[in-house]
C-alpha atoms as a PDB file:
ATOM      1  CA  MET A   1     167.822  44.009 142.025  1.00  0.00           C
ATOM      2  CA  LYS A   2     165.824  47.134 142.769  1.00  0.00           C
ATOM      3  CA  VAL A   3     165.650  50.260 140.592  1.00  0.00           C
ATOM      4  CA  LEU A   4     165.849  53.212 142.999  1.00  0.00           C
ATOM      5  CA  ALA A   5     165.495  55.967 140.382  1.00  0.00           C
ATOM      6  CA  THR A   6     165.664  56.681 136.669  1.00  0.00           C
ATOM      7  CA  LEU A   7     166.996  59.790 134.904  1.00  0.00           C
ATOM      8  CA  SER A   8     166.886  60.723 131.233  1.00  0.00           C
ATOM      9  CA  LYS A   9     168.210  63.473 128.989  1.00  0.00           C
ATOM     10  CA  ASN A  10     167.844  64.358 125.312  1.00  0.00           C
ATOM     11  CA  THR A  11     171.231  64.330 123.561  1.00  0.00           C
ATOM     12  CA  LYS A  12     172.393  64.876 119.993  1.00  0.00           C
ATOM     13  CA  VAL A  13     172.102  61.149 119.285  1.00  0.00           C
ATOM     14  CA  GLY A  14     168.845  60.457 121.152  1.00  0.00           C
ATOM     15  CA  ILE A  15     167.638  59.943 124.696  1.00  0.00           C
ATOM     16  CA  SER A  16     170.150  58.865 127.336  1.00  0.00           C
ATOM     17  CA  THR A  17     168.533  56.944 130.200  1.00  0.00           C
ATOM     18  CA  TRP A  18     170.205  55.804 133.422  1.00  0.00           C
ATOM     19  CA  ASP A  19     168.777  53.520 136.110  1.00  0.00           C
ATOM     20  CA  PHE A  20     170.158  53.866 139.647  1.00  0.00           C
ATOM     21  CA  ILE A  21     170.046  50.362 141.114  1.00  0.00           C
ATOM     22  CA  GLN A  22     170.803  48.365 144.239  1.00  0.00           C
ATOM     23  CA  HIS A  23     171.360  44.607 144.068  1.00  0.00           C
ATOM     24  CA  ASP A  24     170.055  42.267 146.751  1.00  0.00           C
ATOM     25  CA  ASP A  25     173.602  42.008 148.156  1.00  0.00           C
ATOM     26  CA  GLY A  26     173.743  45.818 148.654  1.00  0.00           C
ATOM     27  CA  HIS A  27     175.898  46.512 145.587  1.00  0.00           C
ATOM     28  CA  CYS A  28     174.923  49.868 143.957  1.00  0.00           C
ATOM     29  CA  ALA A  29     175.419  51.243 140.459  1.00  0.00           C
ATOM     30  CA  ALA A  30     174.126  53.630 137.825  1.00  0.00           C
ATOM     31  CA  VAL A  31     173.399  51.661 134.655  1.00  0.00           C
ATOM     32  CA  LYS A  32     172.959  53.282 131.269  1.00  0.00           C
ATOM     33  CA  ARG A  33     170.374  51.444 129.245  1.00  0.00           C
ATOM     34  CA  GLU A  34     172.823  51.492 126.361  1.00  0.00           C
ATOM     35  CA  LEU A  35     175.030  49.120 128.413  1.00  0.00           C
ATOM     36  CA  GLN A  36     177.281  51.421 130.387  1.00  0.00           C
ATOM     37  CA  VAL A  37     177.795  51.130 134.158  1.00  0.00           C
ATOM     38  CA  LYS A  38     179.117  53.506 136.819  1.00  0.00           C
ATOM     39  CA  GLU A  39     179.859  51.637 140.055  1.00  0.00           C
ATOM     40  CA  ALA A  40     178.992  53.126 143.446  1.00  0.00           C
ATOM     41  CA  LYS A  41     180.532  52.171 146.795  1.00  0.00           C
ATOM     42  CA  ASP A  42     177.215  52.372 148.649  1.00  0.00           C
ATOM     43  CA  THR A  43     173.833  54.109 148.591  1.00  0.00           C
ATOM     44  CA  GLN A  44     175.355  57.442 149.704  1.00  0.00           C
ATOM     45  CA  ASP A  45     177.822  57.300 146.820  1.00  0.00           C
ATOM     46  CA  LEU A  46     174.907  56.433 144.519  1.00  0.00           C
ATOM     47  CA  ARG A  47     173.019  59.521 145.750  1.00  0.00           C
ATOM     48  CA  SER A  48     176.050  61.704 144.988  1.00  0.00           C
ATOM     49  CA  LEU A  49     176.226  60.225 141.504  1.00  0.00           C
ATOM     50  CA  TYR A  50     172.497  60.903 141.049  1.00  0.00           C
ATOM     51  CA  VAL A  51     172.946  64.576 142.047  1.00  0.00           C
ATOM     52  CA  SER A  52     175.857  64.977 139.619  1.00  0.00           C
ATOM     53  CA  PHE A  53     173.653  63.666 136.786  1.00  0.00           C
ATOM     54  CA  LEU A  54     170.998  66.244 137.697  1.00  0.00           C
ATOM     55  CA  LYS A  55     173.647  68.985 137.452  1.00  0.00           C
ATOM     56  CA  TYR A  56     174.416  67.826 133.894  1.00  0.00           C
ATOM     57  CA  GLY A  57     170.804  68.345 132.850  1.00  0.00           C
ATOM     58  CA  PHE A  58     169.276  64.918 133.384  1.00  0.00           C
ATOM     59  CA  THR A  59     165.593  64.933 134.360  1.00  0.00           C
ATOM     60  CA  PRO A  60     164.075  62.510 136.877  1.00  0.00           C
ATOM     61  CA  VAL A  61     161.732  59.915 135.393  1.00  0.00           C
ATOM     62  CA  THR A  62     161.362  58.485 138.892  1.00  0.00           C
ATOM     63  CA  GLU A  63     162.740  60.152 142.021  1.00  0.00           C
ATOM     64  CA  LEU A  64     165.553  58.583 144.053  1.00  0.00           C
ATOM     65  CA  GLN A  65     164.025  56.858 147.080  1.00  0.00           C
END
């Protein structure tokens, strides 16, 4: 598994952090550190998901590669 990027945002209940990952088999997902997952079809879909998080005010901790 490879972490491609990390985003975080301050919320009313604390910091929300998401890791955008790709497994060795090519499977992609955005994984909330508080145990929530958003599946992605491929890396392009993962990039779209990443951009949508930015639009909702998340800040890059690491940039998407």
